[in-house]
Amino acid sequence: MQLKKRTLYSVIVAAATLITAIFIPIIPCRIAPNVPNPIYKWTLCSLNPDKITGIGHVLEFFGYTTSLRDSYILTVLITFAVAMVFFHNTMRKKKKN
């Protein structure tokens, strides 16, 4: 498979994952009460900005960031990289004879 096709397919997969993550909770996140020395609990969250409330608890997407914009970027980059590696390893190149 050519690099151009792999890149195009990876972009499509990354965009579909981001859109899916807005409606379905598929992003790993940590939730804890907004107190000193919180105890975090891992769960799956959606990236819908309407469902996120910051009062009373801390929400960290990927266990790394509390910013919704950063989580969008991380979702696209991680999914793009995984899709590129997948397509690179599974699709065979056509040999010219």
Protein backbone atom coordinates (compact mmCIF):
# COMPACT_ATOMS: atom_id res chain seq x y z
CA MET A 1 0.00 0.00 0.00
CA GLN A 2 1.36 3.39 -0.92
CA LEU A 3 2.21 6.01 1.67
CA LYS A 4 -0.43 8.36 0.26
CA LYS A 5 -3.20 5.78 0.70
CA ARG A 6 -2.02 4.80 4.19
CA THR A 7 -1.98 8.45 5.22
CA LEU A 8 -5.45 9.07 3.79
CA TYR A 9 -6.92 6.01 5.50
CA SER A 10 -5.23 6.94 8.79
CA VAL A 11 -6.68 10.46 8.64
CA ILE A 12 -10.15 9.02 8.01
CA VAL A 13 -9.80 6.61 10.95
CA ALA A 14 -8.53 9.42 13.24
CA ALA A 15 -11.39 11.74 12.28
CA ALA A 16 -13.97 8.99 12.77
CA THR A 17 -12.53 8.18 16.17
CA LEU A 18 -12.68 11.82 17.25
CA ILE A 19 -16.29 12.16 16.13
CA THR A 20 -17.19 8.89 17.85
CA ALA A 21 -15.46 10.02 21.05
CA ILE A 22 -17.71 13.08 21.19
CA PHE A 23 -20.85 10.93 21.33
CA ILE A 24 -19.67 7.69 23.00
CA PRO A 25 -17.44 7.46 26.10
CA ILE A 26 -14.33 5.73 24.69
CA ILE A 27 -11.54 7.99 26.03
CA PRO A 28 -9.76 6.86 29.22
CA CYS A 29 -9.90 9.45 31.97
CA ARG A 30 -9.30 9.87 35.68
CA ILE A 31 -11.92 11.39 37.95
CA ALA A 32 -11.37 12.58 41.52
CA PRO A 33 -13.10 14.91 43.95
CA ASN A 34 -11.73 18.44 44.06
CA VAL A 35 -9.99 18.06 47.44
CA PRO A 36 -6.36 17.99 48.56
CA ASN A 37 -4.67 14.61 47.90
CA PRO A 38 -7.46 13.21 45.74
CA ILE A 39 -7.87 9.51 45.04
CA TYR A 40 -8.37 9.05 41.32
CA LYS A 41 -10.68 6.52 39.69
CA TRP A 42 -10.12 5.40 36.07
CA THR A 43 -13.14 5.33 33.79
CA LEU A 44 -14.16 6.05 30.21
CA CYS A 45 -15.35 9.54 29.27
CA SER A 46 -16.75 11.24 26.20
CA LEU A 47 -15.27 14.41 24.74
CA ASN A 48 -18.63 16.18 24.58
CA PRO A 49 -18.15 19.68 26.01
CA ASP A 50 -21.80 19.86 27.10
CA LYS A 51 -21.42 16.89 29.46
CA ILE A 52 -18.27 18.10 31.20
CA THR A 53 -18.76 20.01 34.43
CA GLY A 54 -15.72 21.16 36.37
CA ILE A 55 -17.44 21.88 39.68
CA GLY A 56 -16.72 19.49 42.51
CA HIS A 57 -14.37 17.11 40.72
CA VAL A 58 -11.20 16.94 38.64
CA LEU A 59 -11.34 15.25 35.24
CA GLU A 60 -8.07 14.30 33.52
CA PHE A 61 -8.28 12.91 29.98
CA PHE A 62 -5.73 10.15 29.29
CA GLY A 63 -4.54 10.72 32.86
CA TYR A 64 -2.56 13.65 31.49
CA THR A 65 -4.55 16.78 30.73
CA THR A 66 -7.68 18.55 31.92
CA SER A 67 -7.98 20.59 28.72
CA LEU A 68 -10.60 19.47 26.23
CA ARG A 69 -8.62 20.92 23.31
CA ASP A 70 -5.50 18.97 24.29
CA SER A 71 -7.53 15.78 24.54
CA TYR A 72 -8.89 16.34 21.01
CA ILE A 73 -5.33 16.70 19.70
CA LEU A 74 -4.10 13.66 21.63
CA THR A 75 -7.00 11.57 20.37
CA VAL A 76 -6.28 12.45 16.74
CA LEU A 77 -2.50 11.97 17.06
CA ILE A 78 -2.65 8.66 18.92
CA THR A 79 -5.30 7.22 16.61
CA PHE A 80 -3.42 8.41 13.51
CA ALA A 81 -0.16 6.82 14.70
CA VAL A 82 -1.82 3.51 15.58
CA ALA A 83 -3.64 3.39 12.24
CA MET A 84 -0.43 4.15 10.31
CA VAL A 85 1.44 1.36 12.09
CA PHE A 86 -1.48 -1.03 11.54
CA PHE A 87 -1.73 -0.27 7.81
CA HIS A 88 2.05 -0.44 7.41
CA ASN A 89 2.26 -3.88 9.01
CA THR A 90 -0.85 -5.48 7.50
CA MET A 91 -0.90 -4.25 3.92
CA ARG A 92 1.59 -5.85 1.57
CA LYS A 93 3.35 -3.99 -1.17
CA LYS A 94 2.66 -5.04 -4.74
CA LYS A 95 5.82 -6.32 -6.37
CA LYS A 96 6.47 -5.53 -10.01
CA ASN A 97 7.66 -8.53 -12.01
